[in-house]
């Protein structure tokens, strides 16, 4: 059984009030940005489901931001999760899977790489393959447990796996009855947070990479990945804010929740079901450059997975990297 944080779900109860700005948009309507992370210097890193499976970089401060292809991973068909585990040291994951076998991938299909920017060349990070799980699993979201262990959601295995970045060992670390279609994942202040289908959840995280009973924070219709607001941005000692990509709902939802259990509130802050303003959002991340801590960046699939119904016309656009000022 899971414990339930007091839930007030107000999906769509208030009209979306915030507009988006396009940082970059692909020209082709069959493109897909799956996830993102922001470096301490403000540069945005995004993962692309391809082929090509590329790690891209964008500088949102440029007048007309352009994509920089940092690396294309020819051994996989798409990239998914990304996380920073140490200053300017990131980990990404991808898999050599297709729509036909993604729910039951072959052994060694999943790859995990270290992407190290601590060298001198800004656009040529040191990239090394650190793990290829033998278990038939595909990783989706990533989050750092510490500098040497990262956590990965396995959507179709309904579990969180751990990856030892020094040895390459992987194992199923956390599973419970609130992980059906698990997707996004974050670690903060001794808790692991995740999305699973229409649920946004968390659980106490223990030093041996296990977790306590799951707690349901909020429910929507569908959630992809998400961002937890940084310290000092709305958060207090007893309250936290999260921003969730709602996939085919084409919106971003804000969830304000009581860390001790209490009055949790959910509201759509941007986008609309029948609009391509935010076309099939996949992930959110906060800016980290000077003056950018209130900037929320969003990646999208452009509606290429589930078309957007615009005035009765099924519509897809190029994958988007968007910005909302909160």
Protein backbone atom coordinates (compact mmCIF):
# COMPACT_ATOMS: atom_id res chain seq x y z
CA UNK A 1 0.00 0.00 0.00
CA UNK A 2 1.13 3.56 -0.56
CA UNK A 3 0.69 6.59 1.62
CA UNK A 4 -1.20 9.48 0.04
CA UNK A 5 -0.11 13.08 0.38
CA UNK A 6 -3.28 15.16 0.58
CA UNK A 7 -4.20 15.82 -3.03
CA UNK A 8 -5.99 18.70 -4.67
CA UNK A 9 -5.96 18.08 -8.41
CA UNK A 10 -7.08 21.15 -10.33
CA UNK A 11 -6.01 20.15 -13.83
CA UNK A 12 -7.24 22.82 -16.19
CA UNK A 13 -9.10 24.58 -13.39
CA UNK A 14 -7.32 27.82 -14.24
CA UNK A 15 -6.56 29.07 -17.71
CA UNK A 16 -2.93 28.85 -18.81
CA UNK A 17 -1.51 32.32 -18.30
CA UNK A 18 2.13 32.17 -19.38
CA UNK A 19 3.36 32.44 -22.95
CA UNK A 20 6.25 30.52 -24.40
CA UNK A 21 9.23 31.76 -26.38
CA UNK A 22 10.85 29.56 -28.99
CA UNK A 23 14.57 29.04 -28.40
CA UNK A 24 14.90 26.67 -31.34
CA UNK A 25 12.57 24.67 -33.56
CA UNK A 26 13.41 21.96 -36.05
CA UNK A 27 12.18 22.39 -39.60
CA UNK A 28 11.05 18.78 -39.98
CA UNK A 29 7.85 17.57 -38.31
CA UNK A 30 9.25 14.08 -37.64
CA UNK A 31 11.89 15.26 -35.14
CA UNK A 32 11.86 14.61 -31.39
CA UNK A 33 13.69 16.10 -28.42
CA UNK A 34 13.37 13.74 -25.46
CA UNK A 35 15.14 15.35 -22.50
CA UNK A 36 17.38 18.19 -21.41
CA UNK A 37 19.79 19.42 -18.78
CA UNK A 38 21.31 22.84 -18.25
CA UNK A 39 25.01 23.36 -17.58
CA UNK A 40 26.17 25.78 -14.89
CA UNK A 41 27.23 28.20 -17.66
CA UNK A 42 23.65 28.33 -18.97
CA UNK A 43 24.16 26.15 -22.05
CA UNK A 44 21.24 23.78 -22.64
CA UNK A 45 21.95 20.14 -23.52
CA UNK A 46 19.21 18.12 -25.20
CA UNK A 47 18.91 14.49 -26.22
CA UNK A 48 17.40 13.55 -29.55
CA UNK A 49 15.45 10.47 -30.51
CA UNK A 50 16.55 9.72 -34.03
CA UNK A 51 18.10 8.48 -35.95
CA UNK A 52 20.31 10.39 -35.71
CA UNK A 53 20.69 9.95 -31.96
CA UNK A 54 22.50 13.17 -31.17
CA UNK A 55 23.46 15.16 -28.10
CA UNK A 56 22.80 18.81 -28.90
CA UNK A 57 23.76 22.11 -27.27
CA UNK A 58 21.99 25.49 -27.41
CA UNK A 59 22.90 28.89 -26.02
CA UNK A 60 19.56 30.56 -25.16
CA UNK A 61 21.26 33.96 -24.80
CA UNK A 62 22.10 34.18 -28.48
CA UNK A 63 19.83 36.40 -30.56
CA UNK A 64 19.10 33.45 -32.84
CA UNK A 65 20.15 30.28 -31.03
CA UNK A 66 21.51 27.52 -33.25
CA UNK A 67 21.91 23.84 -32.50
CA UNK A 68 25.40 22.50 -31.99
CA UNK A 69 25.78 18.77 -32.51
CA UNK A 70 28.16 17.69 -29.77
CA UNK A 71 28.10 14.02 -30.72
CA UNK A 72 26.02 11.54 -32.69
CA UNK A 73 25.81 8.04 -31.21
CA UNK A 74 25.74 5.64 -34.14
CA UNK A 75 25.36 2.55 -31.94
CA UNK A 76 21.82 3.47 -30.89
CA UNK A 77 18.70 4.73 -32.64
CA UNK A 78 17.75 7.28 -29.99
CA UNK A 79 18.83 9.01 -26.79
CA UNK A 80 16.61 9.51 -23.77
CA UNK A 81 17.68 10.53 -20.24
CA UNK A 82 20.41 12.94 -19.14
CA UNK A 83 21.64 13.98 -15.70
CA UNK A 84 24.57 15.82 -14.11
CA UNK A 85 26.30 13.78 -11.39
CA UNK A 86 29.33 16.00 -10.71
CA UNK A 87 30.14 19.55 -11.82
CA UNK A 88 30.04 19.51 -15.64
CA UNK A 89 30.03 15.70 -15.75
CA UNK A 90 26.85 14.34 -17.29
CA UNK A 91 25.47 10.90 -18.04
CA UNK A 92 23.14 10.08 -20.92
CA UNK A 93 21.41 6.91 -22.00
CA UNK A 94 20.09 5.57 -25.28
CA UNK A 95 19.04 2.29 -26.81
CA UNK A 96 19.15 0.43 -30.09
CA UNK A 97 15.44 -0.31 -30.03
CA UNK A 98 12.48 0.22 -32.32
CA UNK A 99 8.74 0.56 -31.80
CA UNK A 100 8.46 -3.19 -32.30
CA UNK A 101 10.83 -4.25 -29.51
CA UNK A 102 11.00 -1.29 -27.12
CA UNK A 103 8.75 -3.06 -24.59
CA UNK A 104 10.97 -6.17 -24.66
CA UNK A 105 14.41 -4.98 -25.80
CA UNK A 106 17.24 -7.38 -26.56
CA UNK A 107 20.16 -7.80 -24.18
CA UNK A 108 22.77 -5.03 -24.36
CA UNK A 109 20.43 -2.76 -26.32
CA UNK A 110 20.73 -0.02 -23.69
CA UNK A 111 23.87 2.10 -23.42
CA UNK A 112 25.00 4.62 -20.79
CA UNK A 113 27.74 7.17 -21.50
CA UNK A 114 29.70 9.68 -19.46
CA UNK A 115 29.91 13.14 -21.07
CA UNK A 116 32.70 15.11 -19.41
CA UNK A 117 32.98 18.86 -20.05
CA UNK A 118 35.79 19.49 -17.57
CA UNK A 119 38.38 19.62 -20.34
CA UNK A 120 39.27 22.70 -22.33
CA UNK A 121 37.21 22.23 -25.52
CA UNK A 122 33.68 23.51 -24.96
CA UNK A 123 32.12 21.69 -27.91
CA UNK A 124 34.13 18.46 -27.72
CA UNK A 125 33.43 16.84 -24.34
CA UNK A 126 35.16 13.60 -23.47
CA UNK A 127 32.63 10.83 -24.07
CA UNK A 128 33.02 7.27 -22.81
CA UNK A 129 30.70 4.26 -22.72
CA UNK A 130 30.36 3.14 -19.10
CA UNK A 131 27.58 0.52 -19.10
CA UNK A 132 25.57 -1.82 -21.30
CA UNK A 133 23.07 -3.69 -19.10
CA UNK A 134 22.73 -7.37 -19.96
CA UNK A 135 19.18 -7.45 -18.58
CA UNK A 136 16.54 -6.87 -21.27
CA UNK A 137 15.73 -3.35 -20.19
CA UNK A 138 15.46 0.11 -21.69
CA UNK A 139 16.28 3.22 -19.65
CA UNK A 140 14.22 6.38 -19.90
CA UNK A 141 14.90 9.12 -17.34
CA UNK A 142 18.14 9.52 -15.36
CA UNK A 143 18.94 11.13 -12.01
CA UNK A 144 22.11 11.22 -9.93
CA UNK A 145 22.03 9.33 -6.63
CA UNK A 146 25.57 10.54 -5.96
CA UNK A 147 28.71 11.12 -8.04
CA UNK A 148 29.25 7.40 -8.69
CA UNK A 149 25.72 5.98 -8.85
CA UNK A 150 22.93 7.13 -11.13
CA UNK A 151 19.31 6.01 -11.15
CA UNK A 152 17.44 5.13 -14.34
CA UNK A 153 13.74 4.57 -14.91
CA UNK A 154 12.90 1.42 -16.83
CA UNK A 155 9.48 2.24 -18.26
CA UNK A 156 8.47 -1.20 -19.47
CA UNK A 157 10.04 -3.04 -16.53
CA UNK A 158 8.22 -0.70 -14.09
CA UNK A 159 11.27 -0.19 -11.93
CA UNK A 160 14.17 2.11 -11.10
CA UNK A 161 17.59 0.67 -11.89
CA UNK A 162 20.92 1.76 -10.44
CA UNK A 163 24.11 2.14 -12.47
CA UNK A 164 27.56 2.17 -10.87
CA UNK A 165 29.43 4.60 -13.09
CA UNK A 166 32.84 3.32 -11.98
CA UNK A 167 32.26 -0.41 -12.61
CA UNK A 168 29.39 -0.40 -15.10
CA UNK A 169 27.33 -2.70 -12.86
CA UNK A 170 23.55 -2.26 -13.16
CA UNK A 171 20.80 -3.68 -10.99
CA UNK A 172 17.11 -3.28 -10.26
CA UNK A 173 17.12 -1.08 -7.17
CA UNK A 174 13.58 0.16 -6.49
CA UNK A 175 10.15 -1.14 -7.48
CA UNK A 176 6.65 -0.69 -6.12
CA UNK A 177 3.03 -0.60 -7.26
CA UNK A 178 3.26 3.07 -8.29
CA UNK A 179 5.72 2.57 -11.17
CA UNK A 180 3.50 1.47 -14.04
CA UNK A 181 4.82 3.32 -17.13
CA UNK A 182 7.46 5.10 -15.03
CA UNK A 183 9.13 7.92 -16.94
CA UNK A 184 10.82 10.98 -15.40
CA UNK A 185 12.97 10.90 -12.28
CA UNK A 186 14.69 13.37 -9.94
CA UNK A 187 16.50 13.10 -6.60
CA UNK A 188 16.24 15.88 -4.02
CA UNK A 189 16.84 16.12 -0.27
CA UNK A 190 16.73 12.40 0.45
CA UNK A 191 13.72 11.63 -1.76
CA UNK A 192 13.35 10.14 -5.21
CA UNK A 193 10.59 11.68 -7.34
CA UNK A 194 9.12 10.14 -10.46
CA UNK A 195 6.27 10.28 -12.93
CA UNK A 196 4.36 7.15 -13.91
CA UNK A 197 1.49 7.43 -16.34
CA UNK A 198 -0.84 10.01 -14.80
CA UNK A 199 0.84 9.98 -11.37
CA UNK A 200 3.52 12.19 -9.82
CA UNK A 201 5.09 10.39 -6.86
CA UNK A 202 7.95 10.34 -4.41
CA UNK A 203 9.53 8.02 -1.84
CA UNK A 204 12.13 8.30 0.88
CA UNK A 205 15.52 7.31 -0.52
CA UNK A 206 17.97 5.33 1.59
CA UNK A 207 21.80 5.15 1.46
CA UNK A 208 21.73 1.53 0.24
CA UNK A 209 19.84 2.66 -2.91
CA UNK A 210 16.46 1.40 -1.75
CA UNK A 211 13.35 3.44 -1.03
CA UNK A 212 10.43 3.63 1.34
CA UNK A 213 6.72 3.50 0.61
CA UNK A 214 5.60 5.58 -2.38
CA UNK A 215 3.59 8.74 -1.87
CA UNK A 216 1.21 10.10 -4.50
CA UNK A 217 1.70 13.86 -4.89
CA UNK A 218 -0.57 14.72 -7.81
CA UNK A 219 -2.50 13.20 -10.67
CA UNK A 220 -3.16 14.47 -14.18
CA UNK A 221 -3.96 12.74 -17.44
CA UNK A 222 -0.41 11.90 -18.54
CA UNK A 223 3.04 13.02 -17.41
CA UNK A 224 6.43 12.78 -19.08
CA UNK A 225 9.52 14.26 -17.41
CA UNK A 226 9.60 17.20 -15.00
CA UNK A 227 11.68 19.73 -13.10
CA UNK A 228 11.79 20.50 -9.39
CA UNK A 229 12.13 24.22 -8.70
CA UNK A 230 15.60 25.15 -7.43
CA UNK A 231 16.20 26.25 -3.87
CA UNK A 232 14.98 29.79 -3.31
CA UNK A 233 12.47 29.72 -6.16
CA UNK A 234 9.09 29.48 -4.49
CA UNK A 235 10.28 26.58 -2.34
CA UNK A 236 10.21 26.82 1.44
CA UNK A 237 11.18 24.43 4.22
CA UNK A 238 7.73 22.83 4.04
CA UNK A 239 6.66 23.37 0.42
CA UNK A 240 8.03 22.64 -3.03
CA UNK A 241 7.12 23.44 -6.62
CA UNK A 242 7.42 21.10 -9.58
CA UNK A 243 6.82 21.67 -13.29
CA UNK A 244 5.65 18.72 -15.35
CA UNK A 245 5.49 18.08 -19.09
CA UNK A 246 2.09 16.61 -19.91
CA UNK A 247 2.97 14.83 -23.17
CA UNK A 248 -0.04 14.68 -25.53
CA UNK A 249 -1.95 17.16 -23.34
CA UNK A 250 0.39 19.82 -24.85
CA UNK A 251 0.77 21.78 -21.62
CA UNK A 252 3.06 22.42 -18.68
CA UNK A 253 1.59 21.87 -15.23
CA UNK A 254 2.72 23.48 -11.99
CA UNK A 255 2.34 21.38 -8.84
CA UNK A 256 2.76 23.03 -5.45
CA UNK A 257 2.95 20.44 -2.70
CA UNK A 258 3.23 20.32 1.05
CA UNK A 259 6.29 18.30 2.09
CA UNK A 260 4.59 17.32 5.35
CA UNK A 261 1.28 16.37 3.75
CA UNK A 262 -1.43 18.94 3.26
CA UNK A 263 -2.84 21.19 0.58
CA UNK A 264 -1.34 20.24 -2.79
CA UNK A 265 -2.37 22.28 -5.81
CA UNK A 266 -2.01 21.59 -9.54
CA UNK A 267 -2.61 24.07 -12.34
CA UNK A 268 -1.79 24.30 -16.05
CA UNK A 269 0.45 27.34 -16.54
CA UNK A 270 1.15 27.22 -20.28
CA UNK A 271 -0.03 25.54 -23.46
CA UNK A 272 -3.36 24.13 -24.54
CA UNK A 273 -4.62 20.73 -25.64
CA UNK A 274 -5.58 22.01 -29.09
CA UNK A 275 -2.53 24.21 -29.68
CA UNK A 276 0.95 23.61 -31.09
CA UNK A 277 2.43 26.29 -28.81
CA UNK A 278 3.78 23.42 -26.69
CA UNK A 279 3.45 20.41 -28.99
CA UNK A 280 3.82 17.17 -27.00
CA UNK A 281 6.22 18.33 -24.25
CA UNK A 282 8.74 15.78 -23.04
CA UNK A 283 10.79 17.40 -20.26
CA UNK A 284 11.47 20.60 -18.28
CA UNK A 285 14.57 22.14 -16.72
CA UNK A 286 15.42 25.44 -15.03
CA UNK A 287 18.02 27.86 -16.32
CA UNK A 288 21.30 28.19 -14.46
CA UNK A 289 22.98 31.16 -16.12
CA UNK A 290 23.05 34.62 -14.57
CA UNK A 291 19.53 36.03 -14.37
CA UNK A 292 18.03 32.79 -15.74
CA UNK A 293 16.93 31.01 -12.57
CA UNK A 294 13.29 31.86 -13.30
CA UNK A 295 13.51 30.56 -16.86
CA UNK A 296 11.92 27.18 -17.46
CA UNK A 297 13.04 25.36 -20.60
CA UNK A 298 10.89 22.70 -22.25
CA UNK A 299 11.65 20.11 -24.92
CA UNK A 300 8.93 18.71 -27.16
CA UNK A 301 8.32 15.99 -29.71
CA UNK A 302 6.44 18.41 -31.93
CA UNK A 303 3.31 16.30 -31.85
CA UNK A 304 4.95 13.68 -34.04
CA UNK A 305 4.05 10.92 -31.57
CA UNK A 306 0.46 12.03 -30.96
CA UNK A 307 -0.64 14.70 -33.42
CA UNK A 308 -2.20 17.89 -32.07
CA UNK A 309 -5.83 18.41 -33.06
CA UNK A 310 -5.81 21.99 -34.36
CA UNK A 311 -9.30 22.93 -35.48
CA UNK A 312 -10.00 19.34 -36.49
CA UNK A 313 -6.69 18.87 -38.34
CA UNK A 314 -4.09 16.42 -36.99
CA UNK A 315 -0.91 18.51 -36.85
CA UNK A 316 2.77 17.88 -36.15
CA UNK A 317 5.55 20.47 -36.15
CA UNK A 318 9.29 20.41 -35.74
CA UNK A 319 10.54 19.46 -32.28
CA UNK A 320 10.76 22.52 -30.05
CA UNK A 321 13.05 23.91 -27.37
CA UNK A 322 10.88 26.46 -25.58
CA UNK A 323 11.26 28.93 -22.72
CA UNK A 324 8.78 30.17 -20.12
CA UNK A 325 9.64 33.00 -17.73
CA UNK A 326 7.97 32.28 -14.41
